[in-house]
Amino acid sequence: MEKLNDTLLYTLDKCFRTYNQFAQRNVRKAGYDITIDQWLILKSVSENPDITQNDISKIVFKDNASITRIIQLLISANYLVRETHPSDRRRVNLTLTESGKKITMDVNEIAVQNRTTALENINEETVHQMKSLLQQIIENCK
């Protein structure tokens, strides 16, 4: 039987979790009281002003209940405002507040630094090959 540590997908999961912990540490170290998941939601709203909660859940790989809880925390922290959609009362509009815009931009700078550090000494061709490999794994699992 193959050892767990010898499997590619275990290593990939370990890589992702290690990177996520590294990224979260750097956000905290910079003085921000926000999780990576919270920032991903703010960034999603920032990039897609008409986004639905269902679309957010697909982008950040979280279930709708988790998205609802995180959005409520972001509203309580005054980073997001939720308003009823003017033409469809079943939908809501999510809008970043000024402090939401600021923290999204500030943490984005940290995210760029995190990615630079994580990909240090890895050339562009290798990154491209890895992206292709990962995309193939994703397609195989659909």
Protein backbone atom coordinates (compact mmCIF):
# COMPACT_ATOMS: atom_id res chain seq x y z
CA MET A 1 0.00 0.00 0.00
CA GLU A 2 1.29 3.47 -0.93
CA LYS A 3 2.20 5.72 1.99
CA LEU A 4 0.04 8.77 2.44
CA ASN A 5 3.00 11.15 2.28
CA ASP A 6 3.97 9.66 -1.10
CA THR A 7 0.73 10.52 -2.90
CA LEU A 8 0.53 13.59 -5.12
CA LEU A 9 -2.91 14.70 -3.96
CA TYR A 10 -1.95 14.44 -0.29
CA THR A 11 1.08 16.60 -1.00
CA LEU A 12 -1.10 19.05 -2.90
CA ASP A 13 -3.54 19.29 0.01
CA LYS A 14 -0.65 19.74 2.45
CA CYS A 15 0.78 22.46 0.19
CA PHE A 16 -2.54 24.32 0.10
CA ARG A 17 -3.06 24.08 3.86
CA THR A 18 0.52 25.17 4.59
CA TYR A 19 0.16 28.13 2.23
CA ASN A 20 -3.18 29.10 3.79
CA GLN A 21 -1.66 29.06 7.29
CA PHE A 22 1.33 31.07 6.04
CA ALA A 23 -0.97 33.62 4.39
CA GLN A 24 -3.17 33.92 7.47
CA ARG A 25 -0.13 34.43 9.72
CA ASN A 26 1.08 37.26 7.50
CA VAL A 27 -2.32 38.96 7.50
CA ARG A 28 -2.44 38.78 11.32
CA LYS A 29 1.19 39.92 11.59
CA ALA A 30 0.29 43.00 9.54
CA GLY A 31 -2.36 43.84 12.13
CA TYR A 32 -5.54 42.86 10.27
CA ASP A 33 -8.27 40.97 12.09
CA ILE A 34 -9.68 39.22 9.04
CA THR A 35 -9.48 35.65 7.78
CA ILE A 36 -8.36 34.66 4.31
CA ASP A 37 -11.90 33.38 3.61
CA GLN A 38 -13.37 36.73 4.66
CA TRP A 39 -10.92 38.56 2.43
CA LEU A 40 -11.75 36.25 -0.50
CA ILE A 41 -15.41 37.16 -0.14
CA LEU A 42 -14.62 40.89 0.01
CA LYS A 43 -12.39 40.54 -3.05
CA SER A 44 -15.12 38.62 -4.90
CA VAL A 45 -17.64 41.37 -4.17
CA SER A 46 -15.11 44.02 -5.15
CA GLU A 47 -14.43 42.36 -8.50
CA ASN A 48 -18.07 41.45 -9.22
CA PRO A 49 -20.50 44.11 -7.90
CA ASP A 50 -23.63 42.14 -8.95
CA ILE A 51 -22.41 38.83 -7.51
CA THR A 52 -24.86 36.52 -5.74
CA GLN A 53 -24.13 34.54 -2.59
CA ASN A 54 -24.39 31.37 -4.68
CA ASP A 55 -21.72 32.67 -7.06
CA ILE A 56 -19.50 33.61 -4.11
CA SER A 57 -19.80 30.08 -2.73
CA LYS A 58 -18.58 28.67 -6.07
CA ILE A 59 -15.64 31.08 -6.24
CA VAL A 60 -14.40 30.47 -2.69
CA PHE A 61 -15.38 26.77 -2.45
CA LYS A 62 -17.62 27.17 0.59
CA ASP A 63 -21.19 26.03 1.19
CA ASN A 64 -23.99 28.61 1.26
CA ALA A 65 -24.42 28.39 5.04
CA SER A 66 -20.73 29.24 5.57
CA ILE A 67 -20.98 32.12 3.09
CA THR A 68 -24.03 33.49 4.93
CA ARG A 69 -22.18 33.36 8.28
CA ILE A 70 -19.06 35.01 6.87
CA ILE A 71 -21.08 37.73 5.16
CA GLN A 72 -22.88 38.45 8.43
CA LEU A 73 -19.51 38.79 10.19
CA LEU A 74 -18.32 41.16 7.46
CA ILE A 75 -21.49 43.25 7.85
CA SER A 76 -21.00 43.35 11.62
CA ALA A 77 -17.38 44.46 11.10
CA ASN A 78 -18.65 47.27 8.82
CA TYR A 79 -16.86 45.90 5.74
CA LEU A 80 -20.03 45.05 3.79
CA VAL A 81 -23.56 46.39 3.44
CA ARG A 82 -26.42 44.11 2.42
CA GLU A 83 -29.48 45.62 0.74
CA THR A 84 -32.50 44.06 -0.90
CA HIS A 85 -32.20 43.97 -4.68
CA PRO A 86 -34.49 46.65 -6.16
CA SER A 87 -36.14 44.40 -8.77
CA ASP A 88 -35.90 40.96 -7.11
CA ARG A 89 -36.75 40.81 -3.42
CA ARG A 90 -35.28 37.29 -3.17
CA ARG A 91 -31.81 38.64 -4.00
CA VAL A 92 -29.55 40.97 -2.09
CA ASN A 93 -26.93 43.45 -3.18
CA LEU A 94 -23.63 43.32 -1.34
CA THR A 95 -21.57 46.49 -1.35
CA LEU A 96 -18.18 47.17 0.17
CA THR A 97 -18.05 50.00 2.67
CA GLU A 98 -15.09 52.40 2.61
CA SER A 99 -13.39 50.35 5.35
CA GLY A 100 -14.22 47.21 3.34
CA LYS A 101 -12.55 48.68 0.26
CA LYS A 102 -9.50 49.67 2.27
CA ILE A 103 -8.98 46.30 3.97
CA THR A 104 -9.56 44.49 0.66
CA MET A 105 -6.81 46.55 -0.99
CA ASP A 106 -4.46 46.32 2.00
CA VAL A 107 -4.77 42.56 2.34
CA ASN A 108 -4.45 42.19 -1.44
CA GLU A 109 -0.95 43.68 -1.16
CA ILE A 110 -0.11 41.07 1.49
CA ALA A 111 -1.56 38.33 -0.76
CA VAL A 112 0.68 39.42 -3.63
CA GLN A 113 3.71 39.29 -1.31
CA ASN A 114 2.61 35.86 -0.03
CA ARG A 115 2.36 34.47 -3.56
CA THR A 116 5.75 35.94 -4.47
CA THR A 117 7.35 34.28 -1.44
CA ALA A 118 5.59 30.97 -2.06
CA LEU A 119 6.68 30.86 -5.71
CA GLU A 120 10.25 32.00 -5.06
CA ASN A 121 12.82 30.09 -7.14
CA ILE A 122 10.08 28.58 -9.33
CA ASN A 123 10.29 29.69 -12.96
CA GLU A 124 7.35 30.77 -15.14
CA GLU A 125 7.46 27.64 -17.27
CA THR A 126 7.15 25.42 -14.19
CA VAL A 127 4.24 27.53 -12.92
CA HIS A 128 2.52 27.20 -16.32
CA GLN A 129 3.07 23.41 -16.33
CA MET A 130 1.73 23.13 -12.79
CA LYS A 131 -1.38 25.13 -13.67
CA SER A 132 -1.98 22.83 -16.64
CA LEU A 133 -1.50 19.74 -14.50
CA LEU A 134 -3.86 21.01 -11.82
CA GLN A 135 -6.47 21.97 -14.42
CA GLN A 136 -6.27 18.42 -15.83
CA ILE A 137 -6.79 16.97 -12.34
CA ILE A 138 -9.82 19.26 -11.89
CA GLU A 139 -11.26 18.13 -15.24
CA ASN A 140 -10.65 14.47 -14.40
CA CYS A 141 -12.63 14.88 -11.17
CA LYS A 142 -15.68 16.51 -12.74
